[in-house]
Amino acid sequence: MRPVVSMVAEQETDVDFYYVDVDQAPELASRFGILSIPTLVLIKNGKETNRSTGFIPEEAVKEFAHS
């Protein structure tokens, strides 16, 4: 997923993307209930508004980022 998300991040400059290594930050993974990799979590105004688990193609990442 990282290459796909990186491409989208370059194109969608109005959205901030962050990567978290759940092995390095297990407390953050637990806080967000990450059980599967990859998981995308969309946060707006400090609240989770959407979640996607598993691989999704570039166009779907763009749609997800603006959902």
N, C-alpha and C. Protein backbone atom coordinates (compact mmCIF):
# COMPACT_ATOMS: atom_id res chain seq x y z
N MET A 1 0.81 -1.20 0.00
CA MET A 1 0.00 0.00 0.00
C MET A 1 0.85 1.26 0.00
N ARG A 2 2.02 1.20 0.59
CA ARG A 2 2.81 2.43 0.73
C ARG A 2 3.07 3.10 -0.62
N PRO A 3 3.46 2.38 -1.68
CA PRO A 3 3.67 3.07 -2.96
C PRO A 3 2.40 3.74 -3.49
N VAL A 4 1.27 3.10 -3.33
CA VAL A 4 0.00 3.66 -3.81
C VAL A 4 -0.34 4.90 -3.00
N VAL A 5 -0.26 4.81 -1.70
CA VAL A 5 -0.59 5.95 -0.84
C VAL A 5 0.40 7.10 -1.08
N SER A 6 1.65 6.78 -1.30
CA SER A 6 2.65 7.82 -1.58
C SER A 6 2.32 8.58 -2.86
N MET A 7 1.89 7.85 -3.91
CA MET A 7 1.49 8.51 -5.15
C MET A 7 0.29 9.43 -4.92
N VAL A 8 -0.69 8.94 -4.18
CA VAL A 8 -1.87 9.74 -3.91
C VAL A 8 -1.50 10.96 -3.06
N ALA A 9 -0.63 10.78 -2.09
CA ALA A 9 -0.21 11.88 -1.22
C ALA A 9 0.45 13.00 -2.02
N GLU A 10 1.19 12.65 -3.07
CA GLU A 10 1.82 13.66 -3.92
C GLU A 10 0.78 14.45 -4.71
N GLN A 11 -0.32 13.80 -5.07
CA GLN A 11 -1.35 14.43 -5.88
C GLN A 11 -2.38 15.19 -5.04
N GLU A 12 -2.69 14.67 -3.89
CA GLU A 12 -3.75 15.23 -3.03
C GLU A 12 -3.11 16.05 -1.92
N THR A 13 -2.70 17.25 -2.23
CA THR A 13 -1.95 18.06 -1.27
C THR A 13 -2.82 18.67 -0.18
N ASP A 14 -4.14 18.55 -0.31
CA ASP A 14 -5.03 19.10 0.71
C ASP A 14 -5.33 18.08 1.82
N VAL A 15 -4.69 16.91 1.74
CA VAL A 15 -4.87 15.85 2.73
C VAL A 15 -3.50 15.47 3.27
N ASP A 16 -3.39 15.28 4.58
CA ASP A 16 -2.14 14.84 5.19
C ASP A 16 -2.18 13.33 5.37
N PHE A 17 -1.11 12.66 4.96
CA PHE A 17 -1.00 11.21 5.09
C PHE A 17 0.13 10.89 6.05
N TYR A 18 -0.10 9.92 6.94
CA TYR A 18 0.91 9.50 7.90
C TYR A 18 0.99 7.98 7.88
N TYR A 19 2.20 7.46 8.01
CA TYR A 19 2.42 6.03 8.09
C TYR A 19 2.79 5.69 9.53
N VAL A 20 2.26 4.58 10.00
CA VAL A 20 2.60 4.12 11.34
C VAL A 20 3.05 2.67 11.25
N ASP A 21 4.25 2.40 11.75
CA ASP A 21 4.74 1.03 11.86
C ASP A 21 4.18 0.48 13.16
N VAL A 22 3.21 -0.42 13.05
CA VAL A 22 2.53 -0.92 14.26
C VAL A 22 3.45 -1.72 15.16
N ASP A 23 4.55 -2.25 14.59
CA ASP A 23 5.52 -2.95 15.44
C ASP A 23 6.30 -1.97 16.29
N GLN A 24 6.51 -0.76 15.77
CA GLN A 24 7.25 0.27 16.50
C GLN A 24 6.34 1.10 17.40
N ALA A 25 5.03 1.11 17.11
CA ALA A 25 4.09 1.92 17.89
C ALA A 25 2.85 1.09 18.24
N PRO A 26 3.01 0.02 19.01
CA PRO A 26 1.87 -0.84 19.32
C PRO A 26 0.77 -0.12 20.11
N GLU A 27 1.14 0.89 20.89
CA GLU A 27 0.13 1.61 21.67
C GLU A 27 -0.78 2.41 20.74
N LEU A 28 -0.24 2.94 19.67
CA LEU A 28 -1.05 3.68 18.70
C LEU A 28 -1.94 2.73 17.92
N ALA A 29 -1.41 1.58 17.54
CA ALA A 29 -2.21 0.57 16.85
C ALA A 29 -3.36 0.12 17.74
N SER A 30 -3.10 -0.06 19.01
CA SER A 30 -4.15 -0.45 19.95
C SER A 30 -5.19 0.65 20.11
N ARG A 31 -4.73 1.88 20.21
CA ARG A 31 -5.64 3.02 20.38
C ARG A 31 -6.65 3.10 19.24
N PHE A 32 -6.19 2.80 18.02
CA PHE A 32 -7.06 2.86 16.85
C PHE A 32 -7.65 1.51 16.47
N GLY A 33 -7.39 0.49 17.26
CA GLY A 33 -7.99 -0.82 17.01
C GLY A 33 -7.52 -1.45 15.71
N ILE A 34 -6.26 -1.25 15.37
CA ILE A 34 -5.71 -1.82 14.14
C ILE A 34 -5.45 -3.31 14.37
N LEU A 35 -6.18 -4.13 13.63
CA LEU A 35 -6.04 -5.58 13.76
C LEU A 35 -5.47 -6.21 12.49
N SER A 36 -5.57 -5.50 11.37
CA SER A 36 -5.08 -6.02 10.09
C SER A 36 -4.25 -4.95 9.40
N ILE A 37 -3.30 -5.44 8.60
CA ILE A 37 -2.44 -4.56 7.84
C ILE A 37 -2.66 -4.85 6.37
N PRO A 38 -2.86 -3.89 5.52
CA PRO A 38 -2.89 -2.46 5.80
C PRO A 38 -4.26 -2.00 6.26
N THR A 39 -4.28 -0.98 7.06
CA THR A 39 -5.52 -0.31 7.47
C THR A 39 -5.33 1.18 7.25
N LEU A 40 -6.29 1.79 6.59
CA LEU A 40 -6.31 3.24 6.42
C LEU A 40 -7.38 3.79 7.34
N VAL A 41 -7.04 4.83 8.08
CA VAL A 41 -8.00 5.48 8.97
C VAL A 41 -8.07 6.94 8.57
N LEU A 42 -9.28 7.41 8.30
CA LEU A 42 -9.49 8.80 7.94
C LEU A 42 -9.96 9.55 9.18
N ILE A 43 -9.24 10.60 9.52
CA ILE A 43 -9.57 11.39 10.71
C ILE A 43 -9.83 12.83 10.27
N LYS A 44 -10.99 13.34 10.64
CA LYS A 44 -11.35 14.72 10.37
C LYS A 44 -11.74 15.37 11.69
N ASN A 45 -11.16 16.53 11.94
CA ASN A 45 -11.45 17.27 13.17
C ASN A 45 -11.26 16.42 14.42
N GLY A 46 -10.23 15.57 14.38
CA GLY A 46 -9.89 14.76 15.54
C GLY A 46 -10.73 13.51 15.74
N LYS A 47 -11.64 13.20 14.80
CA LYS A 47 -12.50 12.03 14.95
C LYS A 47 -12.40 11.13 13.72
N GLU A 48 -12.40 9.84 13.98
CA GLU A 48 -12.39 8.89 12.88
C GLU A 48 -13.71 8.97 12.11
N THR A 49 -13.60 9.15 10.79
CA THR A 49 -14.79 9.25 9.96
C THR A 49 -14.91 8.13 8.95
N ASN A 50 -13.81 7.39 8.72
CA ASN A 50 -13.86 6.30 7.77
C ASN A 50 -12.67 5.38 8.03
N ARG A 51 -12.80 4.12 7.56
CA ARG A 51 -11.75 3.13 7.75
C ARG A 51 -11.81 2.15 6.60
N SER A 52 -10.63 1.73 6.15
CA SER A 52 -10.53 0.72 5.10
C SER A 52 -9.44 -0.26 5.48
N THR A 53 -9.73 -1.55 5.34
CA THR A 53 -8.76 -2.58 5.66
C THR A 53 -8.50 -3.41 4.42
N GLY A 54 -7.22 -3.69 4.17
CA GLY A 54 -6.83 -4.45 3.00
C GLY A 54 -6.41 -3.52 1.87
N PHE A 55 -5.82 -4.12 0.85
CA PHE A 55 -5.32 -3.33 -0.27
C PHE A 55 -6.47 -2.70 -1.04
N ILE A 56 -6.31 -1.43 -1.42
CA ILE A 56 -7.24 -0.77 -2.33
C ILE A 56 -6.41 -0.04 -3.38
N PRO A 57 -6.91 0.04 -4.62
CA PRO A 57 -6.15 0.69 -5.69
C PRO A 57 -6.11 2.20 -5.54
N GLU A 58 -5.28 2.83 -6.36
CA GLU A 58 -5.04 4.28 -6.28
C GLU A 58 -6.32 5.11 -6.31
N GLU A 59 -7.20 4.85 -7.24
CA GLU A 59 -8.44 5.64 -7.34
C GLU A 59 -9.28 5.50 -6.08
N ALA A 60 -9.30 4.31 -5.50
CA ALA A 60 -10.07 4.09 -4.28
C ALA A 60 -9.45 4.84 -3.09
N VAL A 61 -8.12 4.95 -3.07
CA VAL A 61 -7.45 5.72 -2.01
C VAL A 61 -7.83 7.19 -2.15
N LYS A 62 -7.86 7.70 -3.38
CA LYS A 62 -8.26 9.09 -3.60
C LYS A 62 -9.69 9.33 -3.10
N GLU A 63 -10.59 8.43 -3.45
CA GLU A 63 -11.98 8.56 -3.00
C GLU A 63 -12.05 8.48 -1.49
N PHE A 64 -11.32 7.55 -0.90
CA PHE A 64 -11.30 7.37 0.55
C PHE A 64 -10.83 8.66 1.24
N ALA A 65 -9.77 9.26 0.69
CA ALA A 65 -9.18 10.46 1.29
C ALA A 65 -10.16 11.63 1.32
N HIS A 66 -11.14 11.60 0.45
CA HIS A 66 -12.10 12.71 0.39
C HIS A 66 -13.50 12.29 0.80
N SER A 67 -13.59 11.15 1.48
CA SER A 67 -14.92 10.69 1.91
C SER A 67 -15.34 11.33 3.22
